PDB file of N, CA and C in Angstrom:
ATOM      1  N   MET A   1     -94.900 -10.610-160.299  1.00  0.00           N
ATOM      2  CA  MET A   1     -95.419 -10.471-161.550  1.00  0.00           C
ATOM      3  C   MET A   1     -94.936  -9.572-162.455  1.00  0.00           C
ATOM      4  N   HIS A   2     -94.901  -9.750-163.773  1.00  0.00           N
ATOM      5  CA  HIS A   2     -94.362  -9.138-164.801  1.00  0.00           C
ATOM      6  C   HIS A   2     -95.595  -8.873-166.035  1.00  0.00           C
ATOM      7  N   TYR A   3     -95.332  -7.420-166.275  1.00  0.00           N
ATOM      8  CA  TYR A   3     -95.930  -6.977-167.251  1.00  0.00           C
ATOM      9  C   TYR A   3     -95.523  -7.064-168.859  1.00  0.00           C
ATOM     10  N   PHE A   4     -94.578  -7.504-168.891  1.00  0.00           N
ATOM     11  CA  PHE A   4     -93.580  -7.393-170.224  1.00  0.00           C
ATOM     12  C   PHE A   4     -92.933  -8.535-170.502  1.00  0.00           C
ATOM     13  N   ALA A   5     -92.825  -8.670-171.869  1.00  0.00           N
ATOM     14  CA  ALA A   5     -91.877 -10.047-172.210  1.00  0.00           C
ATOM     15  C   ALA A   5     -90.464  -9.879-171.793  1.00  0.00           C
ATOM     16  N   PRO A   6     -89.724 -10.925-171.486  1.00  0.00           N
ATOM     17  CA  PRO A   6     -88.445 -11.099-171.438  1.00  0.00           C
ATOM     18  C   PRO A   6     -87.608 -10.362-172.401  1.00  0.00           C
ATOM     19  N   GLY A   7     -86.628  -9.759-172.032  1.00  0.00           N
ATOM     20  CA  GLY A   7     -86.201  -8.995-173.369  1.00  0.00           C
ATOM     21  C   GLY A   7     -86.658  -7.548-174.033  1.00  0.00           C
ATOM     22  N   ALA A   8     -87.604  -7.092-173.006  1.00  0.00           N
ATOM     23  CA  ALA A   8     -88.306  -6.008-173.672  1.00  0.00           C
ATOM     24  C   ALA A   8     -87.552  -4.746-173.659  1.00  0.00           C
ATOM     25  N   SER A   9     -87.630  -3.700-174.102  1.00  0.00           N
ATOM     26  CA  SER A   9     -86.952  -2.413-174.300  1.00  0.00           C
ATOM     27  C   SER A   9     -87.060  -1.828-173.211  1.00  0.00           C
ATOM     28  N   VAL A  10     -86.288  -0.944-172.822  1.00  0.00           N
ATOM     29  CA  VAL A  10     -86.967   0.113-171.947  1.00  0.00           C
ATOM     30  C   VAL A  10     -88.723   0.538-171.915  1.00  0.00           C
ATOM     31  N   ALA A  11     -88.513   1.185-173.381  1.00  0.00           N
ATOM     32  CA  ALA A  11     -89.742   1.928-173.580  1.00  0.00           C
ATOM     33  C   ALA A  11     -90.792   0.967-173.344  1.00  0.00           C
ATOM     34  N   ASP A  12     -90.983  -0.426-173.493  1.00  0.00           N
ATOM     35  CA  ASP A  12     -92.018  -1.261-173.040  1.00  0.00           C
ATOM     36  C   ASP A  12     -91.927  -1.403-172.042  1.00  0.00           C
ATOM     37  N   HIS A  13     -90.957  -1.635-171.103  1.00  0.00           N
ATOM     38  CA  HIS A  13     -91.078  -1.428-169.613  1.00  0.00           C
ATOM     39  C   HIS A  13     -91.626  -0.581-169.083  1.00  0.00           C
ATOM     40  N   LEU A  14     -91.241   0.774-169.640  1.00  0.00           N
ATOM     41  CA  LEU A  14     -92.131   2.130-169.094  1.00  0.00           C
ATOM     42  C   LEU A  14     -93.585   1.958-169.578  1.00  0.00           C
ATOM     43  N   ALA A  15     -93.715   1.706-170.470  1.00  0.00           N
ATOM     44  CA  ALA A  15     -95.633   1.379-171.170  1.00  0.00           C
ATOM     45  C   ALA A  15     -96.215   0.493-170.162  1.00  0.00           C
ATOM     46  N   ALA A  16     -95.796  -0.460-169.990  1.00  0.00           N
ATOM     47  CA  ALA A  16     -96.372  -1.686-169.291  1.00  0.00           C
ATOM     48  C   ALA A  16     -96.574  -1.063-167.912  1.00  0.00           C
ATOM     49  N   ASP A  17     -95.670  -0.505-166.882  1.00  0.00           N
ATOM     50  CA  ASP A  17     -95.775   0.290-165.923  1.00  0.00           C
ATOM     51  C   ASP A  17     -96.577   1.063-165.566  1.00  0.00           C
ATOM     52  N   CYS A  18     -96.595   1.970-166.674  1.00  0.00           N
ATOM     53  CA  CYS A  18     -97.618   3.288-166.882  1.00  0.00           C
ATOM     54  C   CYS A  18     -99.179   2.544-167.215  1.00  0.00           C
ATOM     55  N   GLY A  19     -99.282   1.476-168.055  1.00  0.00           N
ATOM     56  CA  GLY A  19    -100.542   1.307-167.999  1.00  0.00           C
ATOM     57  C   GLY A  19    -101.084   0.279-166.633  1.00  0.00           C
ATOM     58  N   MET A  20    -100.479  -0.091-165.690  1.00  0.00           N
ATOM     59  CA  MET A  20    -100.321  -0.738-164.646  1.00  0.00           C
ATOM     60  C   MET A  20    -100.879   0.412-163.807  1.00  0.00           C
ATOM     61  N   ALA A  21    -100.294   1.485-163.723  1.00  0.00           N
ATOM     62  CA  ALA A  21    -100.255   2.280-162.497  1.00  0.00           C
ATOM     63  C   ALA A  21    -102.167   3.176-163.114  1.00  0.00           C
ATOM     64  N   LEU A  22    -102.134   3.178-164.342  1.00  0.00           N
ATOM     65  CA  LEU A  22    -103.520   3.848-164.577  1.00  0.00           C
ATOM     66  C   LEU A  22    -104.500   2.666-164.247  1.00  0.00           C
ATOM     67  N   ALA A  23    -103.993   1.838-164.595  1.00  0.00           N
ATOM     68  CA  ALA A  23    -105.392   0.531-164.014  1.00  0.00           C
ATOM     69  C   ALA A  23    -105.433   0.302-162.673  1.00  0.00           C
ATOM     70  N   PHE A  24    -104.380   0.777-161.570  1.00  0.00           N
ATOM     71  CA  PHE A  24    -104.660   0.761-160.223  1.00  0.00           C
ATOM     72  C   PHE A  24    -105.463   2.200-160.076  1.00  0.00           C
ATOM     73  N   PHE A  25    -105.149   3.197-160.567  1.00  0.00           N
ATOM     74  CA  PHE A  25    -106.160   4.453-160.233  1.00  0.00           C
ATOM     75  C   PHE A  25    -107.119   4.294-160.693  1.00  0.00           C
ATOM     76  N   VAL A  26    -107.649   3.436-161.820  1.00  0.00           N
ATOM     77  CA  VAL A  26    -109.512   3.416-162.081  1.00  0.00           C
ATOM     78  C   VAL A  26    -109.802   2.153-160.921  1.00  0.00           C
ATOM     79  N   VAL A  27    -109.145   1.170-160.678  1.00  0.00           N
ATOM     80  CA  VAL A  27    -109.400   0.475-159.847  1.00  0.00           C
ATOM     81  C   VAL A  27    -109.896   0.699-158.333  1.00  0.00           C
ATOM     82  N   ALA A  28    -109.002   1.896-158.192  1.00  0.00           N
ATOM     83  CA  ALA A  28    -108.904   2.430-156.747  1.00  0.00           C
ATOM     84  C   ALA A  28    -110.371   3.623-156.448  1.00  0.00           C
ATOM     85  N   GLY A  29    -110.761   3.306-157.857  1.00  0.00           N
ATOM     86  CA  GLY A  29    -111.510   4.866-157.590  1.00  0.00           C
ATOM     87  C   GLY A  29    -111.011   6.126-157.739  1.00  0.00           C
ATOM     88  N   GLU A  30    -109.769   6.411-158.160  1.00  0.00           N
ATOM     89  CA  GLU A  30    -109.350   7.645-157.975  1.00  0.00           C
ATOM     90  C   GLU A  30    -108.977   8.168-159.501  1.00  0.00           C
ATOM     91  N   GLN A  31    -109.716   7.775-160.485  1.00  0.00           N
ATOM     92  CA  GLN A  31    -109.681   8.556-161.718  1.00  0.00           C
ATOM     93  C   GLN A  31    -109.712  10.055-161.711  1.00  0.00           C
ATOM     94  N   GLU A  32    -110.323  10.851-160.889  1.00  0.00           N
ATOM     95  CA  GLU A  32    -110.596  11.910-160.832  1.00  0.00           C
ATOM     96  C   GLU A  32    -109.031  12.817-160.342  1.00  0.00           C
ATOM     97  N   ARG A  33    -108.255  12.022-159.740  1.00  0.00           N
ATOM     98  CA  ARG A  33    -106.841  12.485-159.591  1.00  0.00           C
ATOM     99  C   ARG A  33    -106.138  12.440-161.001  1.00  0.00           C
ATOM    100  N   LEU A  34    -106.555  12.270-162.100  1.00  0.00           N
ATOM    101  CA  LEU A  34    -106.040  12.170-163.355  1.00  0.00           C
ATOM    102  C   LEU A  34    -106.366  13.557-164.086  1.00  0.00           C
ATOM    103  N   ARG A  35    -105.402  14.298-164.252  1.00  0.00           N
ATOM    104  CA  ARG A  35    -106.300  15.642-164.586  1.00  0.00           C
ATOM    105  C   ARG A  35    -105.268  16.012-165.869  1.00  0.00           C
ATOM    106  N   ARG A  36    -105.620  17.043-166.158  1.00  0.00           N
ATOM    107  CA  ARG A  36    -104.652  17.857-167.801  1.00  0.00           C
ATOM    108  C   ARG A  36    -104.570  19.111-167.153  1.00  0.00           C
ATOM    109  N   CYS A  37    -103.545  19.743-167.565  1.00  0.00           N
ATOM    110  CA  CYS A  37    -103.139  20.933-167.088  1.00  0.00           C
ATOM    111  C   CYS A  37    -103.928  21.984-167.107  1.00  0.00           C
ATOM    112  N   GLU A  38    -104.457  22.864-166.222  1.00  0.00           N
ATOM    113  CA  GLU A  38    -105.532  23.780-166.797  1.00  0.00           C
ATOM    114  C   GLU A  38    -105.098  25.375-167.739  1.00  0.00           C
ATOM    115  N   ALA A  39    -103.413  24.867-167.914  1.00  0.00           N
ATOM    116  CA  ALA A  39    -102.578  26.263-168.570  1.00  0.00           C
ATOM    117  C   ALA A  39    -103.034  26.287-170.371  1.00  0.00           C
ATOM    118  N   PRO A  40    -103.655  27.022-171.097  1.00  0.00           N
ATOM    119  CA  PRO A  40    -104.049  26.915-172.246  1.00  0.00           C
ATOM    120  C   PRO A  40    -103.167  26.787-172.987  1.00  0.00           C
ATOM    121  N   ASP A  41    -101.645  26.669-173.254  1.00  0.00           N
ATOM    122  CA  ASP A  41    -100.917  26.196-174.074  1.00  0.00           C
ATOM    123  C   ASP A  41    -100.038  25.019-173.569  1.00  0.00           C
ATOM    124  N   CYS A  42    -100.550  24.143-172.677  1.00  0.00           N
ATOM    125  CA  CYS A  42     -99.958  22.964-172.063  1.00  0.00           C
ATOM    126  C   CYS A  42    -100.955  21.930-172.291  1.00  0.00           C
ATOM    127  N   ARG A  43    -100.373  20.667-173.004  1.00  0.00           N
ATOM    128  CA  ARG A  43    -100.974  19.686-172.823  1.00  0.00           C
ATOM    129  C   ARG A  43    -100.744  18.528-172.453  1.00  0.00           C
ATOM    130  N   ARG A  44    -100.082  19.059-171.338  1.00  0.00           N
ATOM    131  CA  ARG A  44     -99.585  17.626-170.256  1.00  0.00           C
ATOM    132  C   ARG A  44    -100.772  17.175-169.327  1.00  0.00           C
ATOM    133  N   ALA A  45    -100.733  15.895-168.982  1.00  0.00           N
ATOM    134  CA  ALA A  45    -101.575  15.459-167.827  1.00  0.00           C
ATOM    135  C   ALA A  45    -100.578  15.023-166.500  1.00  0.00           C
ATOM    136  N   PHE A  46    -101.433  15.152-165.631  1.00  0.00           N
ATOM    137  CA  PHE A  46    -100.555  15.073-164.238  1.00  0.00           C
ATOM    138  C   PHE A  46    -101.461  14.053-163.324  1.00  0.00           C
ATOM    139  N   VAL A  47    -100.807  13.621-162.364  1.00  0.00           N
ATOM    140  CA  VAL A  47    -101.657  13.033-161.084  1.00  0.00           C
ATOM    141  C   VAL A  47    -101.758  13.747-159.942  1.00  0.00           C
ATOM    142  N   ASP A  48    -102.534  14.404-159.598  1.00  0.00           N
ATOM    143  CA  ASP A  48    -103.336  15.215-158.628  1.00  0.00           C
ATOM    144  C   ASP A  48    -102.844  14.303-156.962  1.00  0.00           C
ATOM    145  N   LEU A  49    -101.682  14.699-156.380  1.00  0.00           N
ATOM    146  CA  LEU A  49    -101.575  13.979-155.144  1.00  0.00           C
ATOM    147  C   LEU A  49    -101.857  14.809-154.377  1.00  0.00           C
ATOM    148  N   SER A  50    -102.218  15.951-154.302  1.00  0.00           N
ATOM    149  CA  SER A  50    -102.533  16.808-153.093  1.00  0.00           C
ATOM    150  C   SER A  50    -103.665  16.644-152.230  1.00  0.00           C
ATOM    151  N   ARG A  51    -103.556  16.545-150.902  1.00  0.00           N
ATOM    152  CA  ARG A  51    -104.511  16.316-149.939  1.00  0.00           C
ATOM    153  C   ARG A  51    -105.875  16.483-150.175  1.00  0.00           C
ATOM    154  N   ASN A  52    -106.504  17.905-150.770  1.00  0.00           N
ATOM    155  CA  ASN A  52    -107.581  18.604-150.995  1.00  0.00           C
ATOM    156  C   ASN A  52    -107.799  18.504-152.569  1.00  0.00           C
ATOM    157  N   ARG A  53    -107.157  17.694-153.465  1.00  0.00           N
ATOM    158  CA  ARG A  53    -107.410  17.024-154.703  1.00  0.00           C
ATOM    159  C   ARG A  53    -107.621  18.633-155.039  1.00  0.00           C
ATOM    160  N   SER A  54    -106.955  19.545-155.195  1.00  0.00           N
ATOM    161  CA  SER A  54    -106.581  20.959-155.846  1.00  0.00           C
ATOM    162  C   SER A  54    -106.054  21.754-156.942  1.00  0.00           C
ATOM    163  N   ARG A  55    -104.867  20.651-157.129  1.00  0.00           N
ATOM    164  CA  ARG A  55    -103.813  21.043-158.064  1.00  0.00           C
ATOM    165  C   ARG A  55    -104.357  21.038-159.585  1.00  0.00           C
ATOM    166  N   ARG A  56    -104.086  22.256-160.408  1.00  0.00           N
ATOM    167  CA  ARG A  56    -104.272  22.657-161.633  1.00  0.00           C
ATOM    168  C   ARG A  56    -103.883  22.715-162.495  1.00  0.00           C
ATOM    169  N   TYR A  57    -102.180  22.928-162.130  1.00  0.00           N
ATOM    170  CA  TYR A  57    -101.302  22.791-163.423  1.00  0.00           C
ATOM    171  C   TYR A  57    -100.323  21.764-163.062  1.00  0.00           C
ATOM    172  N   CYS A  58     -99.287  21.188-164.207  1.00  0.00           N
ATOM    173  CA  CYS A  58     -98.788  20.110-164.082  1.00  0.00           C
ATOM    174  C   CYS A  58     -97.385  20.840-163.305  1.00  0.00           C
ATOM    175  N   ASP A  59     -97.409  21.993-163.195  1.00  0.00           N
ATOM    176  CA  ASP A  59     -95.754  22.044-162.787  1.00  0.00           C
ATOM    177  C   ASP A  59     -96.065  23.499-162.287  1.00  0.00           C
ATOM    178  N   SER A  60     -96.475  23.772-160.972  1.00  0.00           N
ATOM    179  CA  SER A  60     -96.787  25.325-160.518  1.00  0.00           C
ATOM    180  C   SER A  60     -95.346  26.469-160.646  1.00  0.00           C
ATOM    181  N   ARG A  61     -93.971  25.491-160.927  1.00  0.00           N
ATOM    182  CA  ARG A  61     -93.286  26.850-161.175  1.00  0.00           C
ATOM    183  C   ARG A  61     -93.315  27.460-162.679  1.00  0.00           C
ATOM    184  N   THR A  62     -93.834  26.229-163.604  1.00  0.00           N
ATOM    185  CA  THR A  62     -93.857  26.768-164.983  1.00  0.00           C
ATOM    186  C   THR A  62     -94.837  27.411-165.621  1.00  0.00           C
ATOM    187  N   CYS A  63     -96.081  26.587-165.792  1.00  0.00           N
ATOM    188  CA  CYS A  63     -97.167  27.020-165.669  1.00  0.00           C
ATOM    189  C   CYS A  63     -98.270  27.811-165.173  1.00  0.00           C
ATOM    190  N   GLY A  64     -98.149  27.402-163.869  1.00  0.00           N
ATOM    191  CA  GLY A  64     -99.199  28.167-162.665  1.00  0.00           C
ATOM    192  C   GLY A  64     -98.721  29.545-162.858  1.00  0.00           C
ATOM    193  N   ASN A  65     -97.345  29.765-162.470  1.00  0.00           N
ATOM    194  CA  ASN A  65     -96.292  30.685-162.569  1.00  0.00           C
ATOM    195  C   ASN A  65     -96.715  31.717-163.670  1.00  0.00           C
ATOM    196  N   ARG A  66     -96.342  30.980-164.938  1.00  0.00           N
ATOM    197  CA  ARG A  66     -96.507  31.963-165.887  1.00  0.00           C
ATOM    198  C   ARG A  66     -98.039  32.363-165.891  1.00  0.00           C
ATOM    199  N   LEU A  67     -99.007  32.007-165.630  1.00  0.00           N
ATOM    200  CA  LEU A  67    -100.032  32.509-165.727  1.00  0.00           C
ATOM    201  C   LEU A  67    -100.776  33.516-164.791  1.00  0.00           C
ATOM    202  N   HIS A  68     -99.897  33.599-163.426  1.00  0.00           N
ATOM    203  CA  HIS A  68    -100.306  34.337-162.458  1.00  0.00           C
ATOM    204  C   HIS A  68     -99.259  35.585-162.841  1.00  0.00           C
ATOM    205  N   VAL A  69     -98.053  35.367-163.662  1.00  0.00           N
ATOM    206  CA  VAL A  69     -97.699  36.544-163.650  1.00  0.00           C
ATOM    207  C   VAL A  69     -98.478  37.350-164.738  1.00  0.00           C
ATOM    208  N   ALA A  70     -98.930  36.842-165.639  1.00  0.00           N
ATOM    209  CA  ALA A  70     -99.758  37.289-166.815  1.00  0.00           C
ATOM    210  C   ALA A  70    -100.922  38.159-166.479  1.00  0.00           C
ATOM    211  N   ALA A  71    -101.623  37.468-165.038  1.00  0.00           N
ATOM    212  CA  ALA A  71    -102.810  37.782-164.691  1.00  0.00           C
ATOM    213  C   ALA A  71    -102.170  39.190-163.808  1.00  0.00           C
ATOM    214  N   TYR A  72    -101.447  38.879-163.074  1.00  0.00           N
ATOM    215  CA  TYR A  72    -100.873  40.467-162.624  1.00  0.00           C
ATOM    216  C   TYR A  72    -100.500  41.524-163.434  1.00  0.00           C
ATOM    217  N   ARG A  73     -99.808  40.925-164.516  1.00  0.00           N
ATOM    218  CA  ARG A  73     -99.366  42.329-165.408  1.00  0.00           C
ATOM    219  C   ARG A  73    -100.718  42.844-166.080  1.00  0.00           C
ATOM    220  N   ALA A  74    -101.633  42.055-166.662  1.00  0.00           N
ATOM    221  CA  ALA A  74    -102.690  42.625-166.714  1.00  0.00           C
ATOM    222  C   ALA A  74    -103.695  43.269-166.007  1.00  0.00           C
ATOM    223  N   ARG A  75    -103.598  43.142-164.411  1.00  0.00           N
ATOM    224  CA  ARG A  75    -103.963  44.075-163.755  1.00  0.00           C
ATOM    225  C   ARG A  75    -103.219  45.174-163.418  1.00  0.00           C
ATOM    226  N   ARG A  76    -102.369  45.104-163.531  1.00  0.00           N
ATOM    227  CA  ARG A  76    -100.939  46.426-163.689  1.00  0.00           C
ATOM    228  C   ARG A  76    -101.993  47.443-164.626  1.00  0.00           C
ATOM    229  N   LYS A  77    -101.773  46.954-165.907  1.00  0.00           N
ATOM    230  CA  LYS A  77    -101.446  47.760-167.301  1.00  0.00           C
ATOM    231  C   LYS A  77    -103.416  48.335-167.147  1.00  0.00           C
ATOM    232  N   GLU A  78    -104.025  47.544-166.651  1.00  0.00           N
ATOM    233  CA  GLU A  78    -105.516  48.107-166.550  1.00  0.00           C
ATOM    234  C   GLU A  78    -105.565  49.208-165.444  1.00  0.00           C
ATOM    235  N   ALA A  79    -105.080  49.404-164.297  1.00  0.00           N
ATOM    236  CA  ALA A  79    -104.764  50.382-163.126  1.00  0.00           C
ATOM    237  C   ALA A  79    -104.153  51.404-163.798  1.00  0.00           C
ATOM    238  N   ALA A  80    -103.178  51.029-164.776  1.00  0.00           N
ATOM    239  CA  ALA A  80    -102.504  52.245-165.037  1.00  0.00           C
ATOM    240  C   ALA A  80    -103.442  52.930-166.042  1.00  0.00           C
ATOM    241  N   GLY A  81    -104.260  52.424-166.528  1.00  0.00           N
ATOM    242  CA  GLY A  81    -104.691  52.832-167.840  1.00  0.00           C
ATOM    243  C   GLY A  81    -104.306  53.147-168.913  1.00  0.00           C
TER     244      GLY A  81
END
C-alpha cells in the first residue's frame, strides 16, 4: 500500500510516512507516548519509547544535560552564599 502519488517528492514521502506513523500511534492507543520536550527553550516533539514511559527530553545529551548542569550550578552558587 502506498500513501503518496507516483513521482512524489522526498518531502511528500516523508510527510505521508510520518502521518501514517502518527495514525498508527493513535489507533494503537499509544498517543501518550507522543510528548513535547520539557526543556523551556526547546520546542521539539518526540516519541517516548522508554519501557516505563518516563522520558522527559528530546535528547538527554543536550536538553536534559543542559538543565541538569544549570540546576547543579544554581545549587553550588546557593551553597557558596
